[in-house]
C-alpha atoms as a PDB file:
ATOM      1  CA  MET A   1      63.237  74.999 184.071  1.00  0.00           C
ATOM      2  CA  THR A   2      66.039  77.371 184.972  1.00  0.00           C
ATOM      3  CA  GLY A   3      65.300  80.941 185.987  1.00  0.00           C
ATOM      4  CA  SER A   4      66.947  82.376 182.889  1.00  0.00           C
ATOM      5  CA  ALA A   5      65.377  80.016 180.350  1.00  0.00           C
ATOM      6  CA  ILE A   6      63.456  81.775 177.581  1.00  0.00           C
ATOM      7  CA  LEU A   7      62.402  78.602 175.772  1.00  0.00           C
ATOM      8  CA  GLU A   8      62.007  75.125 177.221  1.00  0.00           C
ATOM      9  CA  ILE A   9      61.024  72.127 175.119  1.00  0.00           C
ATOM     10  CA  LYS A  10      60.525  68.840 176.920  1.00  0.00           C
ATOM     11  CA  ASP A  11      59.853  65.428 175.323  1.00  0.00           C
ATOM     12  CA  LEU A  12      58.207  67.023 172.274  1.00  0.00           C
ATOM     13  CA  ARG A  13      56.499  64.673 169.834  1.00  0.00           C
ATOM     14  CA  VAL A  14      54.752  65.726 166.636  1.00  0.00           C
ATOM     15  CA  SER A  15      53.138  63.364 164.112  1.00  0.00           C
ATOM     16  CA  TYR A  16      51.397  63.826 160.772  1.00  0.00           C
ATOM     17  CA  ASN A  17      49.082  61.080 159.508  1.00  0.00           C
ATOM     18  CA  GLY A  18      50.814  58.519 161.653  1.00  0.00           C
ATOM     19  CA  THR A  19      54.349  59.576 160.708  1.00  0.00           C
ATOM     20  CA  ARG A  20      56.504  60.821 163.586  1.00  0.00           C
ATOM     21  CA  ALA A  21      58.175  64.108 162.570  1.00  0.00           C
ATOM     22  CA  VAL A  22      59.509  65.067 165.997  1.00  0.00           C
ATOM     23  CA  ASP A  23      60.386  62.200 168.313  1.00  0.00           C
ATOM     24  CA  GLY A  24      60.828  63.266 171.925  1.00  0.00           C
ATOM     25  CA  ILE A  25      63.232  66.186 171.681  1.00  0.00           C
ATOM     26  CA  SER A  26      64.153  68.351 174.676  1.00  0.00           C
ATOM     27  CA  LEU A  27      66.190  71.545 174.792  1.00  0.00           C
ATOM     28  CA  ILE A  28      66.497  74.811 176.696  1.00  0.00           C
ATOM     29  CA  ILE A  29      67.469  78.212 175.285  1.00  0.00           C
ATOM     30  CA  GLU A  30      68.781  80.687 177.826  1.00  0.00           C
ATOM     31  CA  ALA A  31      68.265  84.441 177.939  1.00  0.00           C
ATOM     32  CA  GLY A  32      70.544  86.213 175.451  1.00  0.00           C
ATOM     33  CA  GLU A  33      71.525  83.004 173.648  1.00  0.00           C
ATOM     34  CA  ILE A  34      71.741  82.466 169.894  1.00  0.00           C
ATOM     35  CA  PHE A  35      70.838  78.836 169.320  1.00  0.00           C
ATOM     36  CA  GLY A  36      71.024  76.988 166.010  1.00  0.00           C
ATOM     37  CA  LEU A  37      68.827  74.062 164.963  1.00  0.00           C
ATOM     38  CA  LEU A  38      70.674  72.076 162.289  1.00  0.00           C
ATOM     39  CA  GLY A  39      69.403  69.133 160.314  1.00  0.00           C
ATOM     40  CA  PRO A  40      68.919  67.715 156.802  1.00  0.00           C
ATOM     41  CA  ASN A  41      65.672  68.274 154.920  1.00  0.00           C
ATOM     42  CA  GLY A  42      62.881  66.374 156.652  1.00  0.00           C
ATOM     43  CA  ALA A  43      64.795  66.073 159.929  1.00  0.00           C
ATOM     44  CA  GLY A  44      62.055  67.758 161.981  1.00  0.00           C
ATOM     45  CA  LYS A  45      63.242  71.377 162.140  1.00  0.00           C
ATOM     46  CA  THR A  46      60.123  72.966 160.635  1.00  0.00           C
ATOM     47  CA  SER A  47      57.795  70.802 162.722  1.00  0.00           C
ATOM     48  CA  THR A  48      59.687  71.845 165.845  1.00  0.00           C
ATOM     49  CA  LEU A  49      59.358  75.521 164.941  1.00  0.00           C
ATOM     50  CA  SER A  50      55.660  75.040 164.194  1.00  0.00           C
ATOM     51  CA  ALA A  51      55.114  73.531 167.635  1.00  0.00           C
ATOM     52  CA  ILE A  52      57.009  76.395 169.285  1.00  0.00           C
ATOM     53  CA  GLU A  53      54.856  78.913 167.402  1.00  0.00           C
ATOM     54  CA  GLY A  54      51.700  77.056 168.405  1.00  0.00           C
ATOM     55  CA  LEU A  55      50.792  76.307 164.781  1.00  0.00           C
ATOM     56  CA  VAL A  56      50.595  72.550 165.386  1.00  0.00           C
ATOM     57  CA  ARG A  57      49.396  70.744 168.485  1.00  0.00           C
ATOM     58  CA  PRO A  58      52.033  68.290 169.749  1.00  0.00           C
ATOM     59  CA  GLU A  59      51.121  64.680 170.241  1.00  0.00           C
ATOM     60  CA  ALA A  60      53.034  64.834 173.521  1.00  0.00           C
ATOM     61  CA  GLY A  61      55.452  67.030 175.431  1.00  0.00           C
ATOM     62  CA  ASN A  62      55.588  70.658 176.502  1.00  0.00           C
ATOM     63  CA  VAL A  63      56.719  73.964 175.027  1.00  0.00           C
ATOM     64  CA  LYS A  64      57.205  76.897 177.392  1.00  0.00           C
ATOM     65  CA  VAL A  65      58.069  80.437 176.313  1.00  0.00           C
ATOM     66  CA  THR A  66      59.228  82.694 179.177  1.00  0.00           C
ATOM     67  CA  GLY A  67      57.627  80.164 181.509  1.00  0.00           C
ATOM     68  CA  ILE A  68      54.242  80.242 179.741  1.00  0.00           C
ATOM     69  CA  GLU A  69      53.059  76.877 178.461  1.00  0.00           C
ATOM     70  CA  MET A  70      51.952  76.983 174.840  1.00  0.00           C
ATOM     71  CA  ARG A  71      49.237  74.361 175.413  1.00  0.00           C
ATOM     72  CA  GLY A  72      47.673  76.257 178.310  1.00  0.00           C
ATOM     73  CA  ALA A  73      47.894  79.867 177.132  1.00  0.00           C
ATOM     74  CA  PRO A  74      48.720  80.076 173.409  1.00  0.00           C
ATOM     75  CA  PRO A  75      48.006  83.833 172.949  1.00  0.00           C
ATOM     76  CA  SER A  76      50.187  84.785 175.920  1.00  0.00           C
ATOM     77  CA  ALA A  77      53.014  82.518 174.801  1.00  0.00           C
ATOM     78  CA  ARG A  78      52.850  83.752 171.189  1.00  0.00           C
ATOM     79  CA  ALA A  79      52.985  87.375 172.347  1.00  0.00           C
ATOM     80  CA  ASN A  80      56.560  86.681 173.493  1.00  0.00           C
ATOM     81  CA  ILE A  81      57.681  85.352 170.089  1.00  0.00           C
ATOM     82  CA  GLY A  82      58.762  87.090 166.898  1.00  0.00           C
ATOM     83  CA  VAL A  83      59.009  85.041 163.700  1.00  0.00           C
ATOM     84  CA  GLN A  84      60.898  85.597 160.464  1.00  0.00           C
ATOM     85  CA  LEU A  85      60.153  83.005 157.813  1.00  0.00           C
ATOM     86  CA  GLN A  86      62.537  81.903 155.070  1.00  0.00           C
ATOM     87  CA  ALA A  87      60.139  83.082 152.364  1.00  0.00           C
ATOM     88  CA  THR A  88      59.100  86.644 153.106  1.00  0.00           C
ATOM     89  CA  SER A  89      55.853  87.635 151.423  1.00  0.00           C
ATOM     90  CA  PHE A  90      54.184  91.026 151.733  1.00  0.00           C
ATOM     91  CA  GLN A  91      51.925  92.815 149.287  1.00  0.00           C
ATOM     92  CA  SER A  92      54.441  93.931 146.692  1.00  0.00           C
ATOM     93  CA  GLU A  93      52.685  97.276 146.074  1.00  0.00           C
ATOM     94  CA  LEU A  94      52.877  98.382 149.710  1.00  0.00           C
ATOM     95  CA  THR A  95      55.712 100.727 150.631  1.00  0.00           C
ATOM     96  CA  ILE A  96      58.139 100.063 153.469  1.00  0.00           C
ATOM     97  CA  PHE A  97      56.477 102.904 155.393  1.00  0.00           C
ATOM     98  CA  GLN A  98      53.030 101.333 154.986  1.00  0.00           C
ATOM     99  CA  ILE A  99      54.199  97.834 155.954  1.00  0.00           C
ATOM    100  CA  ILE A 100      55.878  99.012 159.157  1.00  0.00           C
ATOM    101  CA  ARG A 101      52.822 101.085 160.080  1.00  0.00           C
ATOM    102  CA  LEU A 102      50.601  98.053 159.453  1.00  0.00           C
ATOM    103  CA  TYR A 103      52.619  95.681 161.625  1.00  0.00           C
ATOM    104  CA  ALA A 104      53.103  98.230 164.382  1.00  0.00           C
ATOM    105  CA  GLY A 105      49.339  98.686 164.454  1.00  0.00           C
ATOM    106  CA  LEU A 106      48.715  94.935 164.609  1.00  0.00           C
ATOM    107  CA  TYR A 107      50.986  94.682 167.648  1.00  0.00           C
ATOM    108  CA  GLY A 108      49.698  97.885 169.231  1.00  0.00           C
ATOM    109  CA  VAL A 109      53.105  99.535 169.046  1.00  0.00           C
ATOM    110  CA  PRO A 110      53.075 103.336 168.602  1.00  0.00           C
ATOM    111  CA  VAL A 111      55.475 104.459 165.856  1.00  0.00           C
ATOM    112  CA  SER A 112      55.981 108.176 165.299  1.00  0.00           C
ATOM    113  CA  ASN A 113      57.623 109.500 162.147  1.00  0.00           C
ATOM    114  CA  GLY A 114      60.809 110.042 164.127  1.00  0.00           C
ATOM    115  CA  LYS A 115      60.742 106.501 165.474  1.00  0.00           C
ATOM    116  CA  LEU A 116      60.099 105.170 161.977  1.00  0.00           C
ATOM    117  CA  ARG A 117      63.137 107.004 160.633  1.00  0.00           C
ATOM    118  CA  SER A 118      65.220 105.612 163.490  1.00  0.00           C
ATOM    119  CA  LEU A 119      64.069 102.051 162.800  1.00  0.00           C
ATOM    120  CA  LEU A 120      64.838 102.366 159.100  1.00  0.00           C
ATOM    121  CA  ALA A 121      68.289 103.773 159.860  1.00  0.00           C
ATOM    122  CA  GLU A 122      69.043 100.708 161.985  1.00  0.00           C
ATOM    123  CA  ILE A 123      68.491  98.430 158.987  1.00  0.00           C
ATOM    124  CA  HIS A 124      70.117 100.811 156.482  1.00  0.00           C
ATOM    125  CA  LEU A 125      66.863 101.618 154.684  1.00  0.00           C
ATOM    126  CA  GLU A 126      66.440 105.216 155.864  1.00  0.00           C
ATOM    127  CA  THR A 127      66.290 106.517 152.290  1.00  0.00           C
ATOM    128  CA  GLU A 128      63.913 103.785 151.094  1.00  0.00           C
ATOM    129  CA  ALA A 129      60.742 104.463 153.127  1.00  0.00           C
ATOM    130  CA  GLY A 130      58.703 105.244 150.014  1.00  0.00           C
ATOM    131  CA  ARG A 131      59.877 102.256 147.976  1.00  0.00           C
ATOM    132  CA  ARG A 132      57.504  99.390 147.351  1.00  0.00           C
ATOM    133  CA  PHE A 133      58.330  96.021 148.867  1.00  0.00           C
ATOM    134  CA  GLY A 134      58.518  94.415 145.430  1.00  0.00           C
ATOM    135  CA  GLN A 135      61.318  96.812 144.471  1.00  0.00           C
ATOM    136  CA  LEU A 136      63.616  95.745 147.309  1.00  0.00           C
ATOM    137  CA  SER A 137      66.556  93.359 146.945  1.00  0.00           C
ATOM    138  CA  GLY A 138      66.527  90.031 148.762  1.00  0.00           C
ATOM    139  CA  GLY A 139      68.807  91.366 151.486  1.00  0.00           C
ATOM    140  CA  GLN A 140      66.668  94.465 151.994  1.00  0.00           C
ATOM    141  CA  GLN A 141      63.530  92.330 152.222  1.00  0.00           C
ATOM    142  CA  GLN A 142      65.102  90.098 154.854  1.00  0.00           C
ATOM    143  CA  ARG A 143      66.296  93.069 156.924  1.00  0.00           C
ATOM    144  CA  LEU A 144      62.799  94.524 156.813  1.00  0.00           C
ATOM    145  CA  ALA A 145      61.264  91.156 157.744  1.00  0.00           C
ATOM    146  CA  LEU A 146      63.564  90.890 160.765  1.00  0.00           C
ATOM    147  CA  LEU A 147      62.575  94.400 161.849  1.00  0.00           C
ATOM    148  CA  LEU A 148      58.893  93.469 161.624  1.00  0.00           C
ATOM    149  CA  ALA A 149      59.479  90.238 163.560  1.00  0.00           C
ATOM    150  CA  THR A 150      60.935  92.218 166.458  1.00  0.00           C
ATOM    151  CA  ILE A 151      58.893  95.416 166.353  1.00  0.00           C
ATOM    152  CA  HIS A 152      56.960  94.337 169.474  1.00  0.00           C
ATOM    153  CA  ASN A 153      60.241  93.580 171.305  1.00  0.00           C
ATOM    154  CA  PRO A 154      59.667  89.840 171.868  1.00  0.00           C
ATOM    155  CA  PRO A 155      62.016  87.965 174.218  1.00  0.00           C
ATOM    156  CA  LEU A 156      62.292  85.069 171.737  1.00  0.00           C
ATOM    157  CA  VAL A 157      62.948  85.451 167.998  1.00  0.00           C
ATOM    158  CA  LEU A 158      62.572  82.501 165.606  1.00  0.00           C
ATOM    159  CA  LEU A 159      64.491  82.747 162.330  1.00  0.00           C
ATOM    160  CA  ASP A 160      63.869  80.110 159.650  1.00  0.00           C
ATOM    161  CA  GLU A 161      66.919  80.054 157.352  1.00  0.00           C
ATOM    162  CA  PRO A 162      67.161  83.860 157.475  1.00  0.00           C
ATOM    163  CA  THR A 163      70.071  84.178 155.026  1.00  0.00           C
ATOM    164  CA  ALA A 164      69.038  81.577 152.441  1.00  0.00           C
ATOM    165  CA  GLY A 165      69.687  82.903 148.946  1.00  0.00           C
ATOM    166  CA  LEU A 166      71.555  86.024 150.070  1.00  0.00           C
ATOM    167  CA  ASP A 167      74.954  87.077 148.747  1.00  0.00           C
ATOM    168  CA  PRO A 168      77.929  87.138 151.175  1.00  0.00           C
ATOM    169  CA  GLN A 169      77.631  90.864 151.892  1.00  0.00           C
ATOM    170  CA  ALA A 170      73.904  90.694 152.657  1.00  0.00           C
ATOM    171  CA  ARG A 171      74.424  87.546 154.722  1.00  0.00           C
ATOM    172  CA  ARG A 172      77.073  89.171 156.900  1.00  0.00           C
ATOM    173  CA  GLN A 173      74.933  92.288 157.365  1.00  0.00           C
ATOM    174  CA  LEU A 174      72.145  90.078 158.664  1.00  0.00           C
ATOM    175  CA  TRP A 175      74.577  88.293 160.986  1.00  0.00           C
ATOM    176  CA  SER A 176      75.507  91.669 162.446  1.00  0.00           C
ATOM    177  CA  ARG A 177      71.818  92.465 162.905  1.00  0.00           C
ATOM    178  CA  ILE A 178      71.287  89.165 164.729  1.00  0.00           C
ATOM    179  CA  GLU A 179      74.206  89.959 167.053  1.00  0.00           C
ATOM    180  CA  GLU A 180      72.680  93.373 167.713  1.00  0.00           C
ATOM    181  CA  LEU A 181      69.365  91.744 168.661  1.00  0.00           C
ATOM    182  CA  ARG A 182      71.215  89.614 171.199  1.00  0.00           C
ATOM    183  CA  ARG A 183      72.923  92.679 172.653  1.00  0.00           C
ATOM    184  CA  ARG A 184      69.471  94.176 173.141  1.00  0.00           C
ATOM    185  CA  GLY A 185      68.370  91.197 175.186  1.00  0.00           C
ATOM    186  CA  HIS A 186      66.617  88.971 172.663  1.00  0.00           C
ATOM    187  CA  SER A 187      67.133  85.212 172.594  1.00  0.00           C
ATOM    188  CA  ILE A 188      67.277  83.726 169.106  1.00  0.00           C
ATOM    189  CA  LEU A 189      66.536  80.304 167.673  1.00  0.00           C
ATOM    190  CA  LEU A 190      67.522  79.923 164.034  1.00  0.00           C
ATOM    191  CA  THR A 191      67.486  77.109 161.529  1.00  0.00           C
ATOM    192  CA  THR A 192      70.161  77.034 158.868  1.00  0.00           C
ATOM    193  CA  HIS A 193      71.782  74.722 156.343  1.00  0.00           C
ATOM    194  CA  SER A 194      74.960  76.819 156.492  1.00  0.00           C
ATOM    195  CA  MET A 195      77.538  75.413 158.889  1.00  0.00           C
ATOM    196  CA  GLU A 196      79.573  78.598 158.347  1.00  0.00           C
ATOM    197  CA  GLU A 197      76.602  80.584 159.624  1.00  0.00           C
ATOM    198  CA  ALA A 198      76.142  78.284 162.615  1.00  0.00           C
ATOM    199  CA  GLN A 199      79.796  78.706 163.602  1.00  0.00           C
ATOM    200  CA  ALA A 200      79.729  82.460 163.017  1.00  0.00           C
ATOM    201  CA  VAL A 201      76.670  83.400 165.059  1.00  0.00           C
ATOM    202  CA  CYS A 202      75.500  80.528 167.298  1.00  0.00           C
ATOM    203  CA  ASP A 203      76.521  80.018 170.912  1.00  0.00           C
ATOM    204  CA  ARG A 204      75.198  76.463 170.791  1.00  0.00           C
ATOM    205  CA  VAL A 205      73.643  74.238 168.162  1.00  0.00           C
ATOM    206  CA  ALA A 206      71.496  71.122 168.158  1.00  0.00           C
ATOM    207  CA  ILE A 207      71.916  68.579 165.372  1.00  0.00           C
ATOM    208  CA  ILE A 208      68.579  66.911 164.682  1.00  0.00           C
ATOM    209  CA  ASP A 209      67.802  63.999 162.362  1.00  0.00           C
ATOM    210  CA  TYR A 210      64.774  61.747 161.956  1.00  0.00           C
ATOM    211  CA  GLY A 211      63.012  63.770 164.643  1.00  0.00           C
ATOM    212  CA  LYS A 212      65.649  63.147 167.324  1.00  0.00           C
ATOM    213  CA  ILE A 213      68.430  65.345 168.666  1.00  0.00           C
ATOM    214  CA  ILE A 214      71.814  63.740 168.089  1.00  0.00           C
ATOM    215  CA  ASP A 215      73.795  66.215 170.186  1.00  0.00           C
ATOM    216  CA  ILE A 216      73.755  69.767 171.571  1.00  0.00           C
ATOM    217  CA  ASP A 217      76.867  71.839 172.225  1.00  0.00           C
ATOM    218  CA  ALA A 218      78.885  74.848 171.120  1.00  0.00           C
ATOM    219  CA  PRO A 219      80.096  74.445 167.509  1.00  0.00           C
ATOM    220  CA  GLU A 220      83.746  74.322 168.587  1.00  0.00           C
ATOM    221  CA  GLU A 221      82.985  71.705 171.240  1.00  0.00           C
ATOM    222  CA  LEU A 222      81.154  69.507 168.744  1.00  0.00           C
ATOM    223  CA  ILE A 223      84.199  69.611 166.466  1.00  0.00           C
ATOM    224  CA  LYS A 224      86.485  68.610 169.352  1.00  0.00           C
ATOM    225  CA  LYS A 225      84.100  65.875 170.468  1.00  0.00           C
ATOM    226  CA  TYR A 226      83.749  64.202 167.073  1.00  0.00           C
ATOM    227  CA  GLU A 227      86.963  65.031 165.203  1.00  0.00           C
ATOM    228  CA  ASN A 228      88.266  61.469 165.631  1.00  0.00           C
ATOM    229  CA  ASP A 229      84.924  59.761 164.970  1.00  0.00           C
ATOM    230  CA  PRO A 230      85.432  57.449 161.935  1.00  0.00           C
ATOM    231  CA  ARG A 231      82.243  58.754 160.292  1.00  0.00           C
ATOM    232  CA  VAL A 232      83.494  62.322 160.596  1.00  0.00           C
ATOM    233  CA  ARG A 233      87.030  61.489 159.456  1.00  0.00           C
ATOM    234  CA  LYS A 234      85.555  59.842 156.367  1.00  0.00           C
ATOM    235  CA  ALA A 235      83.606  63.026 155.558  1.00  0.00           C
ATOM    236  CA  ALA A 236      86.519  65.390 156.231  1.00  0.00           C
ATOM    237  CA  ARG A 237      88.727  66.915 153.558  1.00  0.00           C
ATOM    238  CA  GLY A 238      91.591  68.049 155.743  1.00  0.00           C
ATOM    239  CA  GLN A 239      91.008  69.773 159.077  1.00  0.00           C
ATOM    240  CA  VAL A 240      87.655  68.757 160.585  1.00  0.00           C
ATOM    241  CA  THR A 241      84.929  71.395 160.355  1.00  0.00           C
ATOM    242  CA  LEU A 242      81.383  71.619 161.689  1.00  0.00           C
ATOM    243  CA  ASP A 243      80.209  70.688 158.196  1.00  0.00           C
ATOM    244  CA  ASP A 244      82.192  67.432 158.462  1.00  0.00           C
ATOM    245  CA  VAL A 245      80.673  66.698 161.873  1.00  0.00           C
ATOM    246  CA  PHE A 246      77.187  67.359 160.521  1.00  0.00           C
ATOM    247  CA  VAL A 247      77.636  65.076 157.492  1.00  0.00           C
ATOM    248  CA  GLY A 248      79.369  62.414 159.562  1.00  0.00           C
ATOM    249  CA  LEU A 249      76.513  62.255 162.074  1.00  0.00           C
ATOM    250  CA  THR A 250      73.591  62.568 159.655  1.00  0.00           C
ATOM    251  CA  GLY A 251      75.036  60.756 156.606  1.00  0.00           C
ATOM    252  CA  ASN A 252      75.746  61.981 153.101  1.00  0.00           C
ATOM    253  CA  ALA A 253      72.601  60.635 151.414  1.00  0.00           C
ATOM    254  CA  LEU A 254      70.550  63.229 149.547  1.00  0.00           C
ATOM    255  CA  ARG A 255      67.347  64.295 151.318  1.00  0.00           C
ATOM    256  CA  ASP A 256      64.285  65.619 149.459  1.00  0.00           C
END
């Protein structure tokens, strides 16, 4: 493991009822890196995230967060992770103020009224502290969820399709927030089905399918590497994009 690695996954294998969901993947995410995990439905993305979070016990392999092995010290490893799920669910009757207070208390983070106002201003909800969660738009809910995922200042932030279902304006606001997290020293692993998003925010991406990593590189480098691949040329409609590379390498069959 390198000195600047925040997350190291080595030879990870995860199975459910005899079916291999993750089949020996390895990757390293460096400090300050935004890393994308791309794959069709059922490719192994969620199982990989679950193993990183310590929610499933791998059949084999290691996961280390800031050098702490998840198998050996799960609470210590988890303390260095913040997680934002695709489907955000809080008690709809709780106000933003109450939710932030609750999560800050769970993490043992002191939040004064002044600090609370500052946090809300960062996510453009400074005038919404008294609104109930159920009254927020999808974009507002996702911005709040990202704030809660990072309120304890974790080195590693996991984002599971953070912009799914958002309109272009809300999506780009969240991209800006992700970039700001990186500037503050967080490393970020995100899953996404949007190749536009992967190109816009990720330093590197891994394409995963059938539990195996096909390739890892910067989006632009993947395009250069595969632009003349016959599978990619067949998928392309003009100039080759990351979307064409993804479809060319994983196939165009529908996945449930």
